């Protein structure tokens, strides 16, 4: 249902890409997100990169993009934990982990969905 092209319900999910993790986590609390990071950037209240990572609250989506002001260039999303940290699924096949919100150089702001 959530992140599987075959329509599984998530009990057999063995890995995530970044937007799949966000989609799955938010679905667990009843919030439906679009599939891709760039589409997820269009949901909720957008927090511009110019506000800095300190403007984010736990549960916000945190984005990275080639042109921070253009949602169409967003290529990565994480879930903000607070204290400059995010939950990050770098790509399928790697472990979901906690990373610094500044671990990537092209911070593009966030979105408050909750």
N, C-alpha and C. Protein backbone atom coordinates (compact mmCIF):
# COMPACT_ATOMS: atom_id res chain seq x y z
N UNK A 1 0.82 -1.19 0.00
CA UNK A 1 0.00 0.00 0.00
C UNK A 1 0.86 1.25 0.00
N UNK A 2 1.70 1.33 0.97
CA UNK A 2 2.43 2.57 1.21
C UNK A 2 3.59 2.77 0.25
N UNK A 3 4.57 1.95 0.33
CA UNK A 3 5.75 2.25 -0.48
C UNK A 3 6.12 1.16 -1.46
N UNK A 4 5.31 0.20 -1.62
CA UNK A 4 5.68 -0.93 -2.44
C UNK A 4 4.95 -0.90 -3.79
N UNK A 5 5.69 -1.04 -4.89
CA UNK A 5 5.02 -1.08 -6.18
C UNK A 5 4.06 -2.27 -6.30
N UNK A 6 4.32 -3.33 -5.54
CA UNK A 6 3.45 -4.50 -5.57
C UNK A 6 2.24 -4.39 -4.67
N UNK A 7 2.13 -3.30 -3.91
CA UNK A 7 0.98 -3.07 -3.07
C UNK A 7 1.02 -3.75 -1.71
N UNK A 8 2.20 -4.22 -1.28
CA UNK A 8 2.29 -4.81 0.05
C UNK A 8 1.99 -3.75 1.11
N UNK A 9 1.65 -4.20 2.30
CA UNK A 9 1.25 -3.27 3.34
C UNK A 9 2.41 -2.76 4.19
N UNK A 10 3.61 -3.08 3.89
CA UNK A 10 4.76 -2.56 4.61
C UNK A 10 5.38 -3.54 5.57
N UNK A 11 4.75 -4.64 5.87
CA UNK A 11 5.31 -5.60 6.82
C UNK A 11 6.55 -6.28 6.27
N UNK A 12 6.72 -6.30 4.97
CA UNK A 12 7.89 -6.96 4.38
C UNK A 12 8.85 -5.98 3.73
N UNK A 13 8.70 -4.71 4.01
CA UNK A 13 9.58 -3.70 3.46
C UNK A 13 10.98 -3.91 4.05
N UNK A 14 12.00 -3.97 3.20
CA UNK A 14 13.36 -4.19 3.68
C UNK A 14 14.27 -2.99 3.47
N UNK A 15 13.80 -1.97 2.86
CA UNK A 15 14.64 -0.80 2.64
C UNK A 15 13.84 0.36 2.12
N UNK A 16 14.42 1.54 2.21
CA UNK A 16 13.76 2.76 1.77
C UNK A 16 14.72 3.63 0.99
N UNK A 17 14.17 4.41 0.09
CA UNK A 17 14.89 5.57 -0.38
C UNK A 17 14.38 6.73 0.49
N UNK A 18 14.89 7.93 0.30
CA UNK A 18 14.56 9.02 1.20
C UNK A 18 13.08 9.36 1.23
N UNK A 19 12.48 9.52 0.06
CA UNK A 19 11.07 9.90 0.02
C UNK A 19 10.17 8.75 0.43
N UNK A 20 10.60 7.53 0.19
CA UNK A 20 9.83 6.36 0.62
C UNK A 20 9.77 6.27 2.13
N UNK A 21 10.87 6.61 2.80
CA UNK A 21 10.88 6.61 4.26
C UNK A 21 9.92 7.67 4.80
N UNK A 22 9.96 8.87 4.23
CA UNK A 22 9.05 9.93 4.67
C UNK A 22 7.60 9.51 4.42
N UNK A 23 7.33 8.98 3.26
CA UNK A 23 5.98 8.53 2.91
C UNK A 23 5.50 7.48 3.92
N UNK A 24 6.34 6.51 4.22
CA UNK A 24 6.00 5.43 5.15
C UNK A 24 5.78 5.96 6.56
N UNK A 25 6.69 6.79 7.06
CA UNK A 25 6.59 7.31 8.42
C UNK A 25 5.32 8.15 8.59
N UNK A 26 5.04 9.01 7.65
CA UNK A 26 3.86 9.86 7.77
C UNK A 26 2.57 9.05 7.59
N UNK A 27 2.60 8.02 6.76
CA UNK A 27 1.42 7.15 6.61
C UNK A 27 1.09 6.47 7.93
N UNK A 28 2.11 6.17 8.74
CA UNK A 28 1.89 5.52 10.03
C UNK A 28 1.07 6.39 10.98
N UNK A 29 1.06 7.71 10.76
CA UNK A 29 0.25 8.61 11.59
C UNK A 29 -0.94 9.18 10.81
N UNK A 30 -1.25 8.54 9.68
CA UNK A 30 -2.45 8.89 8.93
C UNK A 30 -2.31 10.04 7.95
N UNK A 31 -1.08 10.41 7.61
CA UNK A 31 -0.87 11.52 6.66
C UNK A 31 -0.35 10.96 5.36
N UNK A 32 -1.03 11.28 4.29
CA UNK A 32 -0.64 10.81 2.96
C UNK A 32 0.27 11.83 2.30
N UNK A 33 1.44 11.39 1.88
CA UNK A 33 2.39 12.24 1.16
C UNK A 33 2.54 11.74 -0.27
N UNK A 34 2.91 12.62 -1.19
CA UNK A 34 3.26 12.16 -2.54
C UNK A 34 4.53 11.32 -2.51
N UNK A 35 4.84 10.65 -3.59
CA UNK A 35 5.94 9.68 -3.63
C UNK A 35 7.34 10.29 -3.67
N UNK A 36 7.55 11.38 -4.40
CA UNK A 36 8.91 11.88 -4.60
C UNK A 36 9.23 13.05 -3.67
N UNK A 37 10.52 13.25 -3.42
CA UNK A 37 10.96 14.35 -2.56
C UNK A 37 10.52 15.70 -3.11
N UNK A 38 10.61 15.90 -4.42
CA UNK A 38 10.21 17.19 -4.99
C UNK A 38 8.72 17.43 -4.84
N UNK A 39 7.91 16.39 -4.93
CA UNK A 39 6.46 16.53 -4.73
C UNK A 39 6.15 16.73 -3.24
N UNK A 40 6.90 16.10 -2.36
CA UNK A 40 6.71 16.28 -0.92
C UNK A 40 7.02 17.71 -0.50
N UNK A 41 7.89 18.39 -1.23
CA UNK A 41 8.24 19.78 -0.92
C UNK A 41 7.06 20.72 -1.14
N UNK A 42 6.04 20.27 -1.82
CA UNK A 42 4.86 21.09 -2.11
C UNK A 42 3.75 20.90 -1.08
N UNK A 43 3.99 20.08 -0.05
CA UNK A 43 2.97 19.76 0.94
C UNK A 43 3.25 20.52 2.24
N UNK A 44 2.22 20.98 2.89
CA UNK A 44 2.36 21.65 4.18
C UNK A 44 2.83 23.08 4.03
N UNK A 45 3.32 23.62 5.12
CA UNK A 45 3.84 24.99 5.14
C UNK A 45 5.33 24.95 4.86
N UNK A 46 5.73 25.59 3.78
CA UNK A 46 7.14 25.57 3.36
C UNK A 46 7.96 26.49 4.25
N UNK A 47 9.12 26.03 4.64
CA UNK A 47 10.07 26.79 5.45
C UNK A 47 11.28 27.04 4.56
N UNK A 48 11.52 28.29 4.18
CA UNK A 48 12.59 28.56 3.22
C UNK A 48 13.98 28.29 3.78
N UNK A 49 14.90 27.96 2.91
CA UNK A 49 16.29 27.71 3.31
C UNK A 49 16.87 28.94 4.00
N UNK A 50 16.44 30.11 3.57
CA UNK A 50 16.97 31.35 4.14
C UNK A 50 16.66 31.48 5.64
N UNK A 51 15.65 30.75 6.14
CA UNK A 51 15.31 30.78 7.56
C UNK A 51 16.30 29.97 8.39
N UNK A 52 17.09 29.12 7.72
CA UNK A 52 18.09 28.30 8.39
C UNK A 52 17.48 27.04 8.99
N UNK A 53 18.33 26.09 9.27
CA UNK A 53 17.87 24.81 9.80
C UNK A 53 17.29 24.96 11.20
N UNK A 54 17.65 26.03 11.89
CA UNK A 54 17.11 26.30 13.22
C UNK A 54 15.63 26.61 13.23
N UNK A 55 15.06 26.92 12.07
CA UNK A 55 13.63 27.21 11.97
C UNK A 55 12.79 25.94 11.94
N UNK A 56 13.43 24.78 11.77
CA UNK A 56 12.70 23.52 11.70
C UNK A 56 12.34 23.03 13.09
N UNK A 57 11.24 22.27 13.16
CA UNK A 57 10.81 21.62 14.40
C UNK A 57 10.81 20.12 14.17
N UNK A 58 10.95 19.34 15.25
CA UNK A 58 10.89 17.89 15.08
C UNK A 58 9.63 17.46 14.33
N UNK A 59 9.82 16.58 13.36
CA UNK A 59 8.73 16.10 12.52
C UNK A 59 8.63 16.81 11.19
N UNK A 60 9.32 17.95 11.04
CA UNK A 60 9.31 18.64 9.75
C UNK A 60 10.10 17.84 8.73
N UNK A 61 9.71 17.98 7.49
CA UNK A 61 10.52 17.42 6.40
C UNK A 61 11.66 18.39 6.13
N UNK A 62 12.82 17.88 5.83
CA UNK A 62 13.99 18.71 5.52
C UNK A 62 14.46 18.33 4.12
N UNK A 63 14.66 19.34 3.26
CA UNK A 63 14.93 19.11 1.84
C UNK A 63 16.31 19.58 1.41
N UNK A 64 16.78 18.94 0.35
CA UNK A 64 18.04 19.29 -0.30
C UNK A 64 17.77 19.35 -1.79
N UNK A 65 18.27 20.41 -2.43
CA UNK A 65 18.00 20.59 -3.86
C UNK A 65 19.08 21.40 -4.54
N UNK A 66 19.11 21.28 -5.84
CA UNK A 66 20.12 21.96 -6.64
C UNK A 66 19.90 23.47 -6.64
N UNK A 67 18.63 23.90 -6.66
CA UNK A 67 18.28 25.32 -6.56
C UNK A 67 17.29 25.42 -5.40
N UNK A 68 17.72 25.87 -4.23
CA UNK A 68 16.89 25.81 -3.02
C UNK A 68 15.51 26.44 -3.14
N UNK A 69 15.33 27.39 -4.02
CA UNK A 69 14.02 28.05 -4.14
C UNK A 69 13.09 27.36 -5.14
N UNK A 70 13.54 26.30 -5.78
CA UNK A 70 12.70 25.59 -6.76
C UNK A 70 12.42 24.17 -6.29
N UNK A 71 11.17 23.90 -5.96
CA UNK A 71 10.80 22.55 -5.50
C UNK A 71 11.12 21.48 -6.53
N UNK A 72 11.07 21.83 -7.79
CA UNK A 72 11.33 20.83 -8.84
C UNK A 72 12.77 20.32 -8.82
N UNK A 73 13.68 21.02 -8.13
CA UNK A 73 15.07 20.58 -8.08
C UNK A 73 15.40 19.81 -6.80
N UNK A 74 14.41 19.60 -5.94
CA UNK A 74 14.62 18.85 -4.69
C UNK A 74 14.97 17.41 -5.05
N UNK A 75 16.07 16.92 -4.50
CA UNK A 75 16.51 15.55 -4.80
C UNK A 75 16.62 14.68 -3.57
N UNK A 76 16.44 15.27 -2.36
CA UNK A 76 16.57 14.47 -1.15
C UNK A 76 15.69 15.04 -0.04
N UNK A 77 15.16 14.15 0.80
CA UNK A 77 14.33 14.56 1.93
C UNK A 77 14.70 13.72 3.15
N UNK A 78 14.66 14.35 4.31
CA UNK A 78 14.84 13.66 5.59
C UNK A 78 13.73 14.11 6.53
N UNK A 79 13.70 13.56 7.72
CA UNK A 79 12.72 13.94 8.73
C UNK A 79 13.50 14.55 9.89
N UNK A 80 13.20 15.80 10.20
CA UNK A 80 13.95 16.52 11.21
C UNK A 80 13.63 16.00 12.61
N UNK A 81 14.69 15.78 13.41
CA UNK A 81 14.55 15.28 14.78
C UNK A 81 14.70 16.38 15.83
N UNK A 82 15.35 17.47 15.46
CA UNK A 82 15.69 18.52 16.41
C UNK A 82 17.20 18.53 16.62
N UNK A 83 17.69 19.58 17.25
CA UNK A 83 19.13 19.72 17.53
C UNK A 83 20.00 19.51 16.30
N UNK A 84 19.52 19.94 15.14
CA UNK A 84 20.31 19.85 13.92
C UNK A 84 20.41 18.46 13.32
N UNK A 85 19.61 17.51 13.80
CA UNK A 85 19.69 16.12 13.35
C UNK A 85 18.45 15.72 12.53
N UNK A 86 18.63 14.77 11.63
CA UNK A 86 17.52 14.25 10.84
C UNK A 86 17.61 12.74 10.72
N UNK A 87 16.47 12.12 10.51
CA UNK A 87 16.42 10.71 10.14
C UNK A 87 16.64 10.68 8.64
N UNK A 88 17.56 9.85 8.19
CA UNK A 88 17.97 9.88 6.79
C UNK A 88 18.05 8.46 6.22
N UNK A 89 17.42 8.28 5.08
CA UNK A 89 17.57 7.04 4.31
C UNK A 89 18.29 7.46 3.03
N UNK A 90 19.58 7.27 3.02
CA UNK A 90 20.39 7.75 1.90
C UNK A 90 19.96 7.14 0.57
N UNK A 91 19.70 5.83 0.58
CA UNK A 91 19.25 5.12 -0.63
C UNK A 91 18.90 3.69 -0.23
N UNK A 92 18.10 3.02 -1.04
CA UNK A 92 17.78 1.62 -0.72
C UNK A 92 19.06 0.80 -0.58
N UNK A 93 19.04 -0.10 0.39
CA UNK A 93 20.21 -0.95 0.61
C UNK A 93 21.14 -0.43 1.68
N UNK A 94 20.93 0.82 2.13
CA UNK A 94 21.72 1.35 3.24
C UNK A 94 20.82 1.44 4.46
N UNK A 95 21.41 1.48 5.63
CA UNK A 95 20.64 1.57 6.86
C UNK A 95 20.06 2.98 7.03
N UNK A 96 18.85 3.02 7.54
CA UNK A 96 18.27 4.30 7.95
C UNK A 96 19.09 4.75 9.15
N UNK A 97 19.44 6.02 9.17
CA UNK A 97 20.35 6.50 10.21
C UNK A 97 20.01 7.94 10.61
N UNK A 98 20.63 8.37 11.66
CA UNK A 98 20.54 9.76 12.09
C UNK A 98 21.78 10.48 11.57
N UNK A 99 21.54 11.58 10.86
CA UNK A 99 22.63 12.38 10.29
C UNK A 99 22.42 13.84 10.68
N UNK A 100 23.46 14.61 10.56
CA UNK A 100 23.37 16.04 10.73
C UNK A 100 22.55 16.64 9.59
N UNK A 101 21.74 17.61 9.91
CA UNK A 101 20.98 18.29 8.87
C UNK A 101 21.86 19.08 7.92
N UNK A 102 23.12 19.27 8.29
CA UNK A 102 24.06 19.98 7.42
C UNK A 102 25.03 19.02 6.74
N UNK A 103 24.70 17.73 6.76
CA UNK A 103 25.61 16.75 6.15
C UNK A 103 25.63 16.85 4.63
N UNK A 104 24.64 17.52 4.07
CA UNK A 104 24.62 17.76 2.62
C UNK A 104 24.71 19.26 2.41
N UNK A 105 25.40 19.66 1.37
CA UNK A 105 25.69 21.09 1.19
C UNK A 105 24.54 21.89 0.57
N UNK A 106 23.55 21.24 0.00
CA UNK A 106 22.53 21.99 -0.73
C UNK A 106 21.18 22.02 -0.01
N UNK A 107 21.23 22.44 1.26
CA UNK A 107 20.02 22.57 2.07
C UNK A 107 19.02 23.48 1.36
N UNK A 108 17.77 23.01 1.27
CA UNK A 108 16.74 23.75 0.53
C UNK A 108 15.52 24.04 1.39
N UNK A 109 15.67 24.04 2.72
CA UNK A 109 14.56 24.38 3.59
C UNK A 109 13.78 23.14 4.02
N UNK A 110 12.57 23.37 4.45
CA UNK A 110 11.76 22.29 4.95
C UNK A 110 10.29 22.51 4.72
N UNK A 111 9.49 21.62 5.29
CA UNK A 111 8.03 21.76 5.24
C UNK A 111 7.45 21.23 6.54
N UNK A 112 6.51 21.97 7.07
CA UNK A 112 5.80 21.55 8.28
C UNK A 112 4.49 20.93 7.84
N UNK A 113 4.41 19.62 7.95
CA UNK A 113 3.24 18.88 7.50
C UNK A 113 2.29 18.59 8.66
N UNK A 114 2.85 18.37 9.85
CA UNK A 114 2.03 18.03 11.02
C UNK A 114 1.41 19.27 11.65
